[in-house]
N, C-alpha and C. Protein backbone atom coordinates (compact mmCIF):
# COMPACT_ATOMS: atom_id res chain seq x y z
N UNK A 1 -5.07 14.84 -23.64
CA UNK A 1 -4.33 13.63 -23.70
C UNK A 1 -5.23 12.41 -23.32
N UNK A 2 -6.05 12.63 -22.37
CA UNK A 2 -6.95 11.49 -21.86
C UNK A 2 -7.88 11.06 -22.95
N UNK A 3 -8.41 11.96 -23.69
CA UNK A 3 -9.26 11.57 -24.80
C UNK A 3 -8.60 10.79 -25.88
N UNK A 4 -7.33 11.22 -26.19
CA UNK A 4 -6.53 10.57 -27.15
C UNK A 4 -6.21 9.15 -26.82
N UNK A 5 -6.09 8.87 -25.53
CA UNK A 5 -5.76 7.53 -25.04
C UNK A 5 -7.03 6.68 -24.66
N UNK A 6 -8.21 7.27 -24.97
CA UNK A 6 -9.38 6.49 -24.64
C UNK A 6 -9.65 6.31 -23.14
N UNK A 7 -9.25 7.22 -22.36
CA UNK A 7 -9.38 7.14 -20.92
C UNK A 7 -10.81 7.69 -20.58
N UNK A 8 -11.61 6.85 -19.88
CA UNK A 8 -12.92 7.20 -19.53
C UNK A 8 -13.01 8.14 -18.36
N UNK A 9 -14.17 8.70 -18.02
CA UNK A 9 -14.33 9.72 -17.05
C UNK A 9 -13.96 9.21 -15.62
N UNK A 10 -14.01 7.94 -15.33
CA UNK A 10 -13.65 7.46 -14.00
C UNK A 10 -12.28 6.74 -14.05
N UNK A 11 -11.47 7.00 -15.02
CA UNK A 11 -10.11 6.38 -15.11
C UNK A 11 -9.03 7.35 -14.98
N UNK A 12 -7.87 6.84 -14.49
CA UNK A 12 -6.65 7.62 -14.28
C UNK A 12 -5.49 6.92 -14.92
N UNK A 13 -4.61 7.60 -15.57
CA UNK A 13 -3.42 6.97 -16.14
C UNK A 13 -2.24 7.26 -15.23
N UNK A 14 -1.49 6.20 -14.85
CA UNK A 14 -0.31 6.31 -14.00
C UNK A 14 0.87 5.75 -14.69
N UNK A 15 2.05 6.14 -14.31
CA UNK A 15 3.21 5.56 -14.88
C UNK A 15 3.40 4.08 -14.43
N UNK A 16 3.99 3.30 -15.21
CA UNK A 16 4.26 1.95 -14.82
C UNK A 16 5.00 1.83 -13.46
N UNK A 17 5.95 2.61 -13.37
CA UNK A 17 6.76 2.66 -12.13
C UNK A 17 5.93 2.99 -10.87
N UNK A 18 5.13 4.00 -11.03
CA UNK A 18 4.23 4.38 -9.88
C UNK A 18 3.25 3.21 -9.57
N UNK A 19 2.67 2.62 -10.61
CA UNK A 19 1.75 1.53 -10.34
C UNK A 19 2.44 0.33 -9.69
N UNK A 20 3.66 -0.01 -10.15
CA UNK A 20 4.32 -1.12 -9.53
C UNK A 20 4.72 -0.80 -8.05
N UNK A 21 5.16 0.38 -7.79
CA UNK A 21 5.49 0.78 -6.39
C UNK A 21 4.23 0.70 -5.53
N UNK A 22 3.20 1.22 -6.01
CA UNK A 22 1.89 1.20 -5.28
C UNK A 22 1.50 -0.24 -5.05
N UNK A 23 1.44 -1.04 -6.07
CA UNK A 23 1.04 -2.40 -5.91
C UNK A 23 1.89 -3.16 -4.92
N UNK A 24 3.20 -3.00 -4.99
CA UNK A 24 4.11 -3.72 -4.10
C UNK A 24 3.93 -3.18 -2.64
N UNK A 25 3.80 -1.91 -2.44
CA UNK A 25 3.57 -1.40 -1.13
C UNK A 25 2.29 -1.85 -0.57
N UNK A 26 1.18 -1.94 -1.26
CA UNK A 26 -0.10 -2.45 -0.77
C UNK A 26 0.05 -3.98 -0.44
N UNK A 27 0.78 -4.72 -1.25
CA UNK A 27 0.97 -6.11 -0.93
C UNK A 27 1.79 -6.24 0.36
N UNK A 28 2.86 -5.42 0.54
CA UNK A 28 3.58 -5.47 1.80
C UNK A 28 2.69 -5.14 2.98
N UNK A 29 1.85 -4.13 2.87
CA UNK A 29 0.93 -3.77 3.93
C UNK A 29 -0.02 -4.94 4.28
N UNK A 30 -0.51 -5.59 3.24
CA UNK A 30 -1.41 -6.64 3.47
C UNK A 30 -0.71 -7.81 4.17
N UNK A 31 0.51 -8.10 3.74
CA UNK A 31 1.31 -9.17 4.35
C UNK A 31 1.69 -8.85 5.81
N UNK A 32 2.00 -7.55 6.06
CA UNK A 32 2.38 -7.16 7.40
C UNK A 32 1.14 -7.22 8.32
N UNK A 33 0.00 -6.87 7.79
CA UNK A 33 -1.27 -7.03 8.52
C UNK A 33 -1.58 -8.45 8.92
N UNK A 34 -1.40 -9.31 7.95
CA UNK A 34 -1.61 -10.79 8.28
C UNK A 34 -0.66 -11.34 9.20
N UNK A 35 0.62 -10.89 9.09
CA UNK A 35 1.67 -11.36 10.04
C UNK A 35 1.38 -10.99 11.46
N UNK A 36 1.01 -9.70 11.58
CA UNK A 36 0.68 -9.14 12.97
C UNK A 36 -0.53 -9.91 13.47
N UNK A 37 -1.58 -10.07 12.72
CA UNK A 37 -2.78 -10.83 13.23
C UNK A 37 -2.37 -12.16 13.69
N UNK A 38 -1.66 -12.92 12.89
CA UNK A 38 -1.25 -14.24 13.27
C UNK A 38 -0.31 -14.28 14.48
N UNK A 39 0.60 -13.37 14.55
CA UNK A 39 1.54 -13.32 15.68
C UNK A 39 0.78 -13.00 17.02
N UNK A 40 -0.17 -12.09 16.98
CA UNK A 40 -0.87 -11.72 18.09
C UNK A 40 -1.94 -12.66 18.59
N UNK A 41 -2.46 -13.43 17.68
CA UNK A 41 -3.40 -14.45 17.99
C UNK A 41 -2.81 -15.75 18.51
N UNK A 42 -1.61 -15.91 18.39
CA UNK A 42 -0.93 -17.11 18.86
C UNK A 42 -0.48 -16.92 20.30
N UNK A 43 -1.23 -17.51 21.19
CA UNK A 43 -0.89 -17.42 22.63
C UNK A 43 -1.28 -16.11 23.23
N UNK A 44 -0.51 -15.82 24.23
CA UNK A 44 -0.77 -14.53 24.99
C UNK A 44 0.46 -13.61 24.71
N UNK A 45 0.26 -12.66 23.77
CA UNK A 45 1.41 -11.79 23.43
C UNK A 45 1.81 -10.87 24.62
N UNK A 46 3.09 -10.57 24.65
CA UNK A 46 3.56 -9.70 25.67
C UNK A 46 3.52 -8.28 25.14
N UNK A 47 3.80 -7.32 26.07
CA UNK A 47 3.81 -5.94 25.60
C UNK A 47 4.94 -5.70 24.48
N UNK A 48 6.00 -6.33 24.70
CA UNK A 48 7.10 -6.21 23.71
C UNK A 48 6.64 -6.79 22.34
N UNK A 49 5.90 -7.88 22.35
CA UNK A 49 5.46 -8.39 21.10
C UNK A 49 4.42 -7.49 20.44
N UNK A 50 3.60 -6.77 21.23
CA UNK A 50 2.70 -5.79 20.66
C UNK A 50 3.45 -4.67 20.03
N UNK A 51 4.49 -4.18 20.75
CA UNK A 51 5.37 -3.14 20.25
C UNK A 51 6.03 -3.53 18.95
N UNK A 52 6.56 -4.66 18.89
CA UNK A 52 7.18 -5.23 17.71
C UNK A 52 6.24 -5.28 16.54
N UNK A 53 5.01 -5.80 16.81
CA UNK A 53 3.99 -5.92 15.82
C UNK A 53 3.62 -4.61 15.25
N UNK A 54 3.44 -3.59 16.16
CA UNK A 54 3.07 -2.27 15.74
C UNK A 54 4.18 -1.67 14.86
N UNK A 55 5.44 -1.89 15.22
CA UNK A 55 6.53 -1.37 14.41
C UNK A 55 6.54 -2.02 13.07
N UNK A 56 6.32 -3.24 12.92
CA UNK A 56 6.25 -3.90 11.69
C UNK A 56 5.12 -3.41 10.79
N UNK A 57 4.01 -3.20 11.34
CA UNK A 57 2.86 -2.59 10.64
C UNK A 57 3.05 -1.17 10.28
N UNK A 58 3.67 -0.39 11.13
CA UNK A 58 3.95 1.01 10.88
C UNK A 58 5.00 1.16 9.78
N UNK A 59 5.98 0.33 9.63
CA UNK A 59 6.99 0.38 8.62
C UNK A 59 6.31 0.19 7.24
N UNK A 60 5.38 -0.76 7.17
CA UNK A 60 4.67 -1.03 5.91
C UNK A 60 3.84 0.16 5.52
N UNK A 61 3.21 0.83 6.49
CA UNK A 61 2.41 1.99 6.28
C UNK A 61 3.31 3.11 5.82
N UNK A 62 4.34 3.38 6.37
CA UNK A 62 5.31 4.41 5.91
C UNK A 62 5.77 4.17 4.46
N UNK A 63 6.05 2.92 4.15
CA UNK A 63 6.48 2.63 2.81
C UNK A 63 5.35 3.05 1.78
N UNK A 64 4.15 2.83 2.12
CA UNK A 64 3.00 3.19 1.32
C UNK A 64 2.85 4.70 1.23
N UNK A 65 3.05 5.36 2.36
CA UNK A 65 2.93 6.82 2.43
C UNK A 65 3.96 7.56 1.49
N UNK A 66 5.14 6.91 1.31
CA UNK A 66 6.15 7.54 0.66
C UNK A 66 6.01 7.57 -0.93
N UNK A 67 4.96 6.87 -1.37
CA UNK A 67 4.71 6.83 -2.85
C UNK A 67 3.89 8.01 -3.24
N UNK A 68 4.40 8.81 -4.15
CA UNK A 68 3.70 9.98 -4.74
C UNK A 68 2.90 9.53 -5.88
N UNK A 69 1.64 9.51 -5.77
CA UNK A 69 0.75 9.05 -6.89
C UNK A 69 0.33 10.32 -7.66
N UNK A 70 1.01 10.56 -8.77
CA UNK A 70 0.64 11.69 -9.63
C UNK A 70 0.12 11.15 -10.96
N UNK A 71 -1.12 11.41 -11.28
CA UNK A 71 -1.62 10.90 -12.54
C UNK A 71 -1.02 11.54 -13.67
N UNK A 72 -0.79 10.76 -14.82
CA UNK A 72 -0.32 11.41 -15.99
C UNK A 72 -1.49 12.02 -16.78
N UNK A 73 -2.61 11.32 -16.69
CA UNK A 73 -3.82 11.88 -17.33
C UNK A 73 -5.06 11.43 -16.60
N UNK A 74 -6.07 12.30 -16.57
CA UNK A 74 -7.33 11.98 -15.93
C UNK A 74 -8.43 11.95 -16.98
N UNK A 75 -9.45 11.06 -16.77
CA UNK A 75 -10.49 11.01 -17.69
C UNK A 75 -11.32 12.28 -17.66
N UNK A 76 -11.96 12.54 -18.74
CA UNK A 76 -12.81 13.77 -18.84
C UNK A 76 -13.88 13.88 -17.81
């Protein structure tokens, strides 16, 4: 199948749905990371603020972990 689709040896074919979910989850993780950095750099954060920031970041990581990336075809 990979050869028929012109997939090179370093390429992988994913479903559009998987790609969109992966892309969105990576964007959410990036945004969460930026939010946490900005929140913690503003002033003197309390322990509660650190816990809240970690929870926000952890939720974004869990969303990413839940995506099953199963290739449709692998390059030769």
